[in-house]
Amino acid sequence: MQVFRSIQDDDLVRSIAGATRRMVFVAPGVSAAVAKALEICLARHPVPQIMIVLDADEETCRLGYCDAPSLDALSIAATKRGIPLRQQRGIRIGLLMADDKILVWTPTPEMFEAPRRVNEPNGLLFTQDTLRRLPEALGVDPEHPEAKAEIGTETLKQEEVAKVVAAIKAAPPAPFDLSRLSRVFSSKFQFIETVLRGAELTKREMRLDSLIVNSDAPEELQPLLHTTVQPFNTDADKAVDVPVLVNGEQAFNRAGNPLTVPTTQTEIRSYWTKLTDRYIINLPGFGRIIRHSDKVKFEEGKEAFESVLKEWVKGFQELVKGDHDQRVNRVVALIEQRMQRANERQKLTRDKIEELVRKGLDNLRVIEPSVKVVYKNITVESTRDKEFLEILRKAVPEQDLDGWFQIFSAAPMVQTSPSAGR
């Protein structure tokens, strides 16, 4: 039986399921799979000895040692059965004792590392047999000098070491204290960027050859003119029946059906403005931020708005089909009128102008309406930027800035001199 091995959730779940006399679990936290296995162990015919010891604070969850919802479910299940979870702050080793079988491993902080592969041992299996085999597994058993060790079977060559050293010299890592500080930094806010796509239908522009629209301008100036036509600009007051949004949520009547009302593009845009004004804070010169605590509500409002936006765009496109010919005629008449003042070689027939206008309308790119949202974390450096802090204090109520960022105790700032922390 192998002593050194890659120990992952599947191994822990199997061992927990097999415990009949004793089950001791010690780790920084629990994953969803392990928490479920522990719940099942608590629910079935009681194992005489059960102990669960965790660190399980906010830091372990942020570092990826612990799944918060699964921890909550395990805590509730343990309380119902009168088996309190125990806490050991700062613990970073894993130990599972299932009857006489003991697994010891180094839990993976999933914020920084991927799970170990089979050929990357992160733990040991202890039984009476493996304890006897430990010297052999390490390759230091005098009774079996020819036995192949389980680990350290490859030679670390000097040329490989030289490659590592050269790579580090070429691209030095960040100072470890600063790197650790960044990893365990947490803020109540995030930067946010939003983009509405396919929403401004009445502002859509159709590009036409400058020689057509600006044929009455001096010939030497025609190439300098930017020539676009907004064919739907006169339709800005057209309204489409769409669901009503109140505080970012769809409104329903007493029968449970969505309330609808004729809505213009300006009113659709105001829905989005009200939603962003409710949850997003503008920091002039730095961008916009949102509270972590508001993200769920904002995302719900964004989804509701996006569904209404899509319905409005679909309805508007159907609505303007009815007067398509009238729209074409207006643009053609404008061009024809201006072309009267052009020289003879630039003049086009009405039929040719209409052909070009219809082609331009057909080529208007159709953009699927959507809302794109990008979140970006605030950095440690921002907490030291005087200009950023000054604008933040002006934009955010003072009570909301109390403890607006944290640096967890797992990575204290390194003192550069005995007096640095005084």
Protein backbone atom coordinates (compact mmCIF):
# COMPACT_ATOMS: atom_id res chain seq x y z
CA MET A 1 0.00 0.00 0.00
CA GLN A 2 1.39 3.39 -1.08
CA VAL A 3 2.44 5.71 1.76
CA PHE A 4 2.90 9.01 -0.13
CA ARG A 5 -0.05 9.94 -2.31
CA SER A 6 -2.17 12.68 -3.79
CA ILE A 7 -5.05 13.12 -1.35
CA GLN A 8 -8.12 14.83 -2.77
CA ASP A 9 -11.81 15.12 -1.91
CA ASP A 10 -12.66 11.68 -3.34
CA ASP A 11 -10.18 10.02 -0.95
CA LEU A 12 -11.59 11.93 2.03
CA VAL A 13 -15.20 11.12 1.10
CA ARG A 14 -14.44 7.39 0.82
CA SER A 15 -12.65 7.32 4.17
CA ILE A 16 -15.42 9.27 5.95
CA ALA A 17 -18.04 6.91 4.49
CA GLY A 18 -16.13 3.89 5.78
CA ALA A 19 -15.81 5.06 9.41
CA THR A 20 -17.71 2.93 11.94
CA ARG A 21 -15.96 3.45 15.30
CA ARG A 22 -14.16 6.77 15.12
CA MET A 23 -14.16 9.76 12.78
CA VAL A 24 -11.92 12.76 13.43
CA PHE A 25 -11.66 15.48 10.79
CA VAL A 26 -9.20 18.37 11.21
CA ALA A 27 -8.67 20.96 8.44
CA PRO A 28 -8.84 24.69 7.70
CA GLY A 29 -12.30 24.21 6.17
CA VAL A 30 -14.55 21.97 4.09
CA SER A 31 -15.36 21.70 0.41
CA ALA A 32 -18.89 20.97 -0.79
CA ALA A 33 -18.14 17.25 -1.31
CA VAL A 34 -16.45 16.76 2.07
CA ALA A 35 -19.14 18.72 3.94
CA LYS A 36 -21.81 16.49 2.38
CA ALA A 37 -19.91 13.34 3.38
CA LEU A 38 -19.62 14.62 6.96
CA GLU A 39 -23.36 15.42 7.03
CA ILE A 40 -24.15 11.87 5.90
CA CYS A 41 -21.80 10.48 8.56
CA LEU A 42 -23.64 12.51 11.22
CA ALA A 43 -27.06 11.45 9.92
CA ARG A 44 -26.55 7.68 9.75
CA HIS A 45 -26.30 5.36 12.77
CA PRO A 46 -24.07 7.37 15.11
CA VAL A 47 -20.34 6.70 15.06
CA PRO A 48 -19.32 6.49 18.76
CA GLN A 49 -16.50 9.00 18.41
CA ILE A 50 -16.90 12.05 16.16
CA MET A 51 -14.86 15.24 16.24
CA ILE A 52 -14.71 17.98 13.59
CA VAL A 53 -12.13 20.73 14.05
CA LEU A 54 -11.96 23.63 11.58
CA ASP A 55 -10.49 27.11 11.27
CA ALA A 56 -13.49 28.19 9.16
CA ASP A 57 -13.22 31.96 9.36
CA GLU A 58 -13.69 34.51 6.60
CA GLU A 59 -10.03 34.33 5.62
CA THR A 60 -10.07 30.56 4.96
CA CYS A 61 -13.09 31.00 2.70
CA ARG A 62 -11.45 33.81 0.73
CA LEU A 63 -8.21 31.86 0.34
CA GLY A 64 -10.10 28.86 -1.03
CA TYR A 65 -9.73 26.45 1.91
CA CYS A 66 -13.43 26.49 2.77
CA ASP A 67 -16.78 26.70 0.95
CA ALA A 68 -18.99 29.05 2.99
CA PRO A 69 -22.45 27.64 2.00
CA SER A 70 -21.26 24.08 2.67
CA LEU A 71 -19.82 25.15 6.03
CA ASP A 72 -23.20 26.65 6.93
CA ALA A 73 -25.06 23.45 5.99
CA LEU A 74 -22.59 21.31 7.99
CA SER A 75 -22.90 23.58 11.03
CA ILE A 76 -26.71 23.30 10.96
CA ALA A 77 -26.57 19.51 10.58
CA ALA A 78 -24.06 19.15 13.45
CA THR A 79 -26.10 21.40 15.76
CA LYS A 80 -29.28 19.38 15.12
CA ARG A 81 -27.47 16.24 16.27
CA GLY A 82 -25.85 17.85 19.30
CA ILE A 83 -22.31 17.55 17.94
CA PRO A 84 -20.74 21.03 18.01
CA LEU A 85 -18.07 21.90 15.50
CA ARG A 86 -14.77 22.87 17.11
CA GLN A 87 -12.47 25.67 15.97
CA GLN A 88 -8.70 25.99 15.84
CA ARG A 89 -7.71 29.33 14.38
CA GLY A 90 -4.86 29.35 11.89
CA ILE A 91 -4.73 25.61 11.29
CA ARG A 92 -3.38 24.80 7.85
CA ILE A 93 -2.90 21.01 7.93
CA GLY A 94 -5.44 18.29 7.22
CA LEU A 95 -5.94 15.15 9.27
CA LEU A 96 -8.63 12.51 8.90
CA MET A 97 -8.82 9.56 11.29
CA ALA A 98 -11.37 6.98 10.13
CA ASP A 99 -11.18 4.07 12.60
CA ASP A 100 -7.49 3.02 12.41
CA LYS A 101 -6.81 4.63 9.05
CA ILE A 102 -5.16 8.05 9.16
CA LEU A 103 -4.74 10.49 6.28
CA VAL A 104 -2.51 13.54 6.69
CA TRP A 105 -2.30 16.08 3.88
CA THR A 106 -1.68 19.71 3.00
CA PRO A 107 -5.01 21.32 1.99
CA THR A 108 -4.96 23.35 -1.23
CA PRO A 109 -5.71 27.09 -1.12
CA GLU A 110 -7.76 27.11 -4.33
CA MET A 111 -7.35 30.85 -4.76
CA PHE A 112 -3.71 30.19 -5.72
CA GLU A 113 -3.28 26.50 -6.59
CA ALA A 114 -5.02 23.81 -8.63
CA PRO A 115 -5.71 20.38 -7.03
CA ARG A 116 -2.75 18.01 -6.99
CA ARG A 117 -2.43 15.42 -9.74
CA VAL A 118 -1.90 11.72 -9.00
CA ASN A 119 1.87 12.03 -9.47
CA GLU A 120 2.07 15.06 -7.15
CA PRO A 121 1.84 13.73 -3.58
CA ASN A 122 0.48 16.13 -0.99
CA GLY A 123 -0.12 13.71 1.87
CA LEU A 124 0.49 10.38 3.57
CA LEU A 125 -1.63 7.36 4.50
CA PHE A 126 -0.90 6.02 7.97
CA THR A 127 -1.90 2.49 8.93
CA GLN A 128 0.04 -0.09 10.92
CA ASP A 129 1.33 -1.45 7.61
CA THR A 130 2.35 1.91 6.11
CA LEU A 131 4.07 2.98 9.33
CA ARG A 132 6.26 -0.10 9.05
CA ARG A 133 6.84 0.70 5.37
CA LEU A 134 7.70 4.37 5.87
CA PRO A 135 11.53 3.89 5.81
CA GLU A 136 11.19 1.79 2.66
CA ALA A 137 8.92 4.38 1.02
CA LEU A 138 11.61 6.98 1.73
CA GLY A 139 14.38 4.71 0.42
CA VAL A 140 16.26 4.52 3.72
CA ASP A 141 15.32 0.99 4.89
CA PRO A 142 18.54 -0.95 5.67
CA GLU A 143 16.64 -4.23 5.37
CA HIS A 144 15.50 -3.42 1.83
CA PRO A 145 18.29 -1.24 0.37
CA GLU A 146 17.32 -2.09 -3.22
CA ALA A 147 13.64 -1.17 -2.78
CA LYS A 148 12.46 1.72 -4.95
CA ALA A 149 11.43 4.80 -2.97
CA GLU A 150 8.00 6.33 -3.54
CA ILE A 151 9.29 9.90 -3.69
CA GLY A 152 12.53 11.56 -4.74
CA THR A 153 13.19 9.09 -7.56
CA GLU A 154 14.45 11.79 -9.93
CA THR A 155 17.78 13.59 -9.59
CA LEU A 156 17.63 17.37 -9.36
CA LYS A 157 20.31 18.27 -11.89
CA GLN A 158 22.51 21.33 -11.62
CA GLU A 159 21.49 22.50 -15.08
CA GLU A 160 17.81 22.43 -14.04
CA VAL A 161 18.63 24.51 -10.97
CA ALA A 162 20.54 26.94 -13.19
CA LYS A 163 17.47 27.32 -15.46
CA VAL A 164 15.27 28.19 -12.46
CA VAL A 165 17.80 30.71 -11.12
CA ALA A 166 18.18 32.32 -14.55
CA ALA A 167 14.40 32.59 -14.99
CA ILE A 168 13.99 34.25 -11.59
CA LYS A 169 16.81 36.69 -12.35
CA ALA A 170 15.22 37.57 -15.70
CA ALA A 171 11.76 38.15 -14.18
CA PRO A 172 12.07 38.59 -10.41
CA PRO A 173 8.96 37.81 -8.34
CA ALA A 174 7.26 40.55 -6.35
CA PRO A 175 8.53 40.92 -2.78
CA PHE A 176 6.90 38.13 -0.79
CA ASP A 177 5.46 40.44 1.86
CA LEU A 178 3.77 42.62 -0.81
CA SER A 179 2.59 39.57 -2.75
CA ARG A 180 1.03 38.03 0.37
CA LEU A 181 -0.48 41.38 1.27
CA SER A 182 -2.18 41.64 -2.14
CA ARG A 183 -3.54 38.11 -1.93
CA VAL A 184 -5.27 38.59 1.39
CA PHE A 185 -6.47 42.15 0.75
CA SER A 186 -10.25 42.53 0.70
CA SER A 187 -12.37 45.59 -0.04
CA LYS A 188 -16.07 46.34 0.40
CA PHE A 189 -16.05 47.89 -3.09
CA GLN A 190 -15.17 46.89 -6.65
CA PHE A 191 -14.66 48.94 -9.77
CA ILE A 192 -17.42 48.39 -12.33
CA GLU A 193 -17.69 49.11 -16.05
CA THR A 194 -21.00 48.84 -17.95
CA VAL A 195 -21.76 48.96 -21.67
CA LEU A 196 -25.22 48.99 -23.31
CA ARG A 197 -25.17 47.34 -26.72
CA GLY A 198 -27.80 47.58 -29.45
CA ALA A 199 -29.98 49.96 -27.43
CA GLU A 200 -29.65 53.33 -29.20
CA LEU A 201 -31.77 52.49 -32.24
CA THR A 202 -32.96 56.04 -32.91
CA LYS A 203 -29.33 57.21 -32.98
CA ARG A 204 -28.10 54.57 -35.42
CA GLU A 205 -26.24 56.05 -38.34
CA MET A 206 -26.21 55.10 -42.00
CA ARG A 207 -23.06 56.10 -43.88
CA LEU A 208 -23.44 57.37 -47.45
CA ASP A 209 -20.85 58.50 -49.98
CA SER A 210 -19.95 62.13 -49.31
CA LEU A 211 -20.20 62.84 -53.04
CA ILE A 212 -23.90 61.97 -52.87
CA VAL A 213 -25.06 63.86 -49.78
CA ASN A 214 -22.64 66.75 -50.03
CA SER A 215 -22.67 67.21 -53.79
CA ASP A 216 -23.65 70.88 -53.34
CA ALA A 217 -20.47 71.62 -51.38
CA PRO A 218 -17.29 72.89 -53.11
CA GLU A 219 -15.59 69.93 -54.76
CA GLU A 220 -12.32 70.44 -52.88
CA LEU A 221 -14.15 70.24 -49.52
CA GLN A 222 -16.34 67.22 -50.22
CA PRO A 223 -13.76 64.56 -49.18
CA LEU A 224 -13.34 66.35 -45.81
CA LEU A 225 -17.00 66.08 -44.82
CA HIS A 226 -18.13 63.28 -42.52
CA THR A 227 -21.40 62.06 -44.01
CA THR A 228 -23.92 60.05 -42.02
CA VAL A 229 -27.70 59.91 -41.85
CA GLN A 230 -29.77 58.95 -38.80
CA PRO A 231 -32.78 57.40 -40.53
CA PHE A 232 -34.66 56.62 -37.28
CA ASN A 233 -34.07 59.94 -35.52
CA THR A 234 -37.62 61.11 -36.23
CA ASP A 235 -38.96 57.93 -34.58
CA ALA A 236 -37.66 58.85 -31.12
CA ASP A 237 -41.20 59.38 -29.79
CA LYS A 238 -42.46 55.96 -30.94
CA ALA A 239 -43.57 53.81 -27.99
CA VAL A 240 -43.58 50.03 -27.61
CA ASP A 241 -45.54 48.04 -25.02
CA VAL A 242 -43.03 46.45 -22.60
CA PRO A 243 -43.12 45.33 -18.94
CA VAL A 244 -42.92 48.06 -16.30
CA LEU A 245 -39.85 48.16 -14.06
CA VAL A 246 -40.15 49.48 -10.50
CA ASN A 247 -36.88 49.80 -8.55
CA GLY A 248 -35.24 47.40 -11.01
CA GLU A 249 -37.96 44.72 -10.75
CA GLN A 250 -40.83 43.83 -13.05
CA ALA A 251 -44.24 44.96 -11.78
CA PHE A 252 -47.24 42.57 -11.77
CA ASN A 253 -50.99 43.08 -11.45
CA ARG A 254 -53.18 41.30 -8.90
CA ALA A 255 -53.67 38.39 -11.28
CA GLY A 256 -49.90 37.86 -11.39
CA ASN A 257 -49.48 39.06 -14.97
CA PRO A 258 -46.72 41.51 -15.91
CA LEU A 259 -47.83 45.13 -16.15
CA THR A 260 -47.01 46.68 -19.53
CA VAL A 261 -47.06 50.27 -20.72
CA PRO A 262 -46.17 52.06 -23.99
CA THR A 263 -42.51 53.05 -23.56
CA THR A 264 -40.18 55.22 -25.63
CA GLN A 265 -36.44 54.71 -26.05
CA THR A 266 -35.75 57.63 -23.70
CA GLU A 267 -37.89 55.98 -21.01
CA ILE A 268 -36.10 52.65 -21.55
CA ARG A 269 -32.78 54.42 -21.04
CA SER A 270 -34.09 56.06 -17.87
CA TYR A 271 -34.71 52.58 -16.38
CA TRP A 272 -30.99 51.85 -16.75
CA THR A 273 -29.99 55.28 -15.42
CA LYS A 274 -32.13 54.81 -12.30
CA LEU A 275 -30.65 51.33 -11.70
CA THR A 276 -27.05 52.50 -12.01
CA ASP A 277 -27.73 55.63 -9.91
CA ARG A 278 -29.14 53.38 -7.17
CA TYR A 279 -26.14 51.05 -6.91
CA ILE A 280 -23.12 52.58 -8.68
CA ILE A 281 -20.95 55.37 -7.28
CA ASN A 282 -19.00 57.66 -9.59
CA LEU A 283 -15.43 58.58 -8.63
CA PRO A 284 -14.38 61.36 -11.04
CA GLY A 285 -11.00 60.62 -12.56
CA PHE A 286 -10.96 57.01 -11.31
CA GLY A 287 -14.09 55.35 -12.69
CA ARG A 288 -17.12 53.91 -10.93
CA ILE A 289 -17.44 51.53 -7.98
CA ILE A 290 -20.12 49.32 -6.46
CA ARG A 291 -20.50 47.87 -2.97
CA HIS A 292 -19.99 44.10 -2.76
CA SER A 293 -23.21 43.96 -0.73
CA ASP A 294 -25.15 45.55 -3.63
CA LYS A 295 -23.91 43.26 -6.42
CA VAL A 296 -26.65 40.63 -6.10
CA LYS A 297 -29.45 43.21 -6.26
CA PHE A 298 -27.71 45.04 -9.10
CA GLU A 299 -27.32 41.82 -11.12
CA GLU A 300 -31.00 41.01 -10.59
CA GLY A 301 -31.95 44.51 -11.78
CA LYS A 302 -29.60 44.22 -14.76
CA GLU A 303 -31.21 40.95 -15.88
CA ALA A 304 -34.71 42.43 -15.56
CA PHE A 305 -33.66 45.51 -17.55
CA GLU A 306 -31.97 43.40 -20.22
CA SER A 307 -35.15 41.35 -20.80
CA VAL A 308 -37.22 44.56 -21.12
CA LEU A 309 -34.61 46.08 -23.43
CA LYS A 310 -34.72 43.07 -25.75
CA GLU A 311 -38.53 43.19 -25.88
CA TRP A 312 -38.45 46.92 -26.67
CA VAL A 313 -35.87 46.54 -29.46
CA LYS A 314 -37.84 43.68 -31.01
CA GLY A 315 -41.07 45.72 -30.83
CA PHE A 316 -39.42 48.86 -32.22
CA GLN A 317 -37.97 46.97 -35.18
CA GLU A 318 -41.43 45.62 -36.02
CA LEU A 319 -42.97 49.07 -35.58
CA VAL A 320 -40.64 50.88 -37.99
CA LYS A 321 -41.14 48.30 -40.71
CA GLY A 322 -44.55 49.81 -41.36
CA ASP A 323 -43.22 53.16 -42.59
CA HIS A 324 -40.01 51.94 -44.21
CA ASP A 325 -40.91 53.37 -47.64
CA GLN A 326 -41.79 56.74 -46.12
CA ARG A 327 -38.42 56.83 -44.38
CA VAL A 328 -36.61 56.02 -47.62
CA ASN A 329 -38.52 58.74 -49.46
CA ARG A 330 -37.57 61.39 -46.85
CA VAL A 331 -33.86 60.62 -47.20
CA VAL A 332 -34.07 60.44 -50.99
CA ALA A 333 -35.91 63.78 -51.16
CA LEU A 334 -33.23 65.43 -49.02
CA ILE A 335 -30.40 64.13 -51.20
CA GLU A 336 -32.24 64.97 -54.41
CA GLN A 337 -32.82 68.54 -53.21
CA ARG A 338 -29.16 69.07 -52.39
CA MET A 339 -28.07 67.45 -55.62
CA GLN A 340 -29.95 70.08 -57.61
CA ARG A 341 -27.10 72.48 -56.84
CA ALA A 342 -24.38 70.02 -57.94
CA ASN A 343 -22.66 70.00 -61.29
CA GLU A 344 -24.14 67.83 -64.01
CA ARG A 345 -21.57 65.05 -63.88
CA GLN A 346 -22.31 64.43 -60.17
CA LYS A 347 -26.09 64.32 -60.48
CA LEU A 348 -27.87 60.96 -60.09
CA THR A 349 -31.38 59.95 -61.02
CA ARG A 350 -33.97 59.53 -58.26
CA ASP A 351 -34.05 55.78 -58.88
CA LYS A 352 -30.26 55.52 -58.41
CA ILE A 353 -30.41 57.58 -55.21
CA GLU A 354 -33.21 55.39 -53.85
CA GLU A 355 -31.22 52.26 -54.69
CA LEU A 356 -28.22 53.56 -52.70
CA VAL A 357 -30.38 54.61 -49.72
CA ARG A 358 -32.18 51.25 -49.55
CA LYS A 359 -28.85 49.46 -49.75
CA GLY A 360 -27.50 51.61 -46.92
CA LEU A 361 -30.51 50.81 -44.73
CA ASP A 362 -30.21 47.10 -45.47
CA ASN A 363 -26.54 47.18 -44.47
CA LEU A 364 -27.18 48.67 -41.05
CA ARG A 365 -25.54 46.18 -38.71
CA VAL A 366 -27.94 44.45 -36.36
CA ILE A 367 -26.51 44.30 -32.83
CA GLU A 368 -28.12 41.96 -30.35
CA PRO A 369 -29.21 44.15 -27.41
CA SER A 370 -27.33 43.29 -24.23
CA VAL A 371 -25.71 44.74 -21.13
CA LYS A 372 -22.04 44.01 -20.53
CA VAL A 373 -20.74 44.38 -16.98
CA VAL A 374 -17.08 44.01 -15.94
CA TYR A 375 -15.94 44.01 -12.29
CA LYS A 376 -12.37 44.82 -11.27
CA ASN A 377 -10.90 44.59 -7.79
CA ILE A 378 -9.57 47.62 -5.97
CA THR A 379 -5.86 47.17 -5.28
CA VAL A 380 -3.81 47.62 -2.13
CA GLU A 381 -2.08 50.57 -3.81
CA SER A 382 -5.40 52.45 -4.02
CA THR A 383 -5.67 52.49 -0.23
CA ARG A 384 -2.45 54.51 -0.18
CA ASP A 385 -3.36 56.92 -2.98
CA LYS A 386 -4.23 60.28 -1.35
CA GLU A 387 -6.15 61.56 -4.37
CA PHE A 388 -8.22 58.38 -4.63
CA LEU A 389 -9.01 58.44 -0.90
CA GLU A 390 -10.02 62.10 -1.04
CA ILE A 391 -12.50 61.51 -3.90
CA LEU A 392 -13.78 58.33 -2.23
CA ARG A 393 -14.55 60.23 0.99
CA LYS A 394 -16.50 62.85 -0.96
CA ALA A 395 -18.56 60.24 -2.85
CA VAL A 396 -19.30 57.69 -0.10
CA PRO A 397 -20.99 58.36 3.26
CA GLU A 398 -18.54 58.33 6.16
CA GLN A 399 -20.28 55.42 7.91
CA ASP A 400 -19.80 53.25 4.81
CA LEU A 401 -16.04 53.81 4.88
CA ASP A 402 -15.59 52.33 8.33
CA GLY A 403 -13.40 49.27 7.69
CA TRP A 404 -13.92 49.52 3.93
CA PHE A 405 -10.87 47.33 3.35
CA GLN A 406 -9.15 44.60 5.33
CA ILE A 407 -5.71 43.06 5.38
CA PHE A 408 -6.01 39.66 7.02
CA SER A 409 -3.69 38.64 9.81
CA ALA A 410 -2.34 35.72 7.77
CA ALA A 411 -0.01 38.14 6.04
CA PRO A 412 1.06 40.88 8.44
CA MET A 413 3.09 43.69 7.00
CA VAL A 414 6.82 43.08 7.44
CA GLN A 415 8.54 45.57 9.73
CA THR A 416 11.68 46.95 8.13
CA SER A 417 13.11 48.22 11.40
CA PRO A 418 12.49 47.73 15.15
CA SER A 419 10.71 51.09 15.28
CA ALA A 420 8.59 50.58 12.14
CA GLY A 421 5.52 49.35 14.00
CA ARG A 422 5.63 52.00 16.78
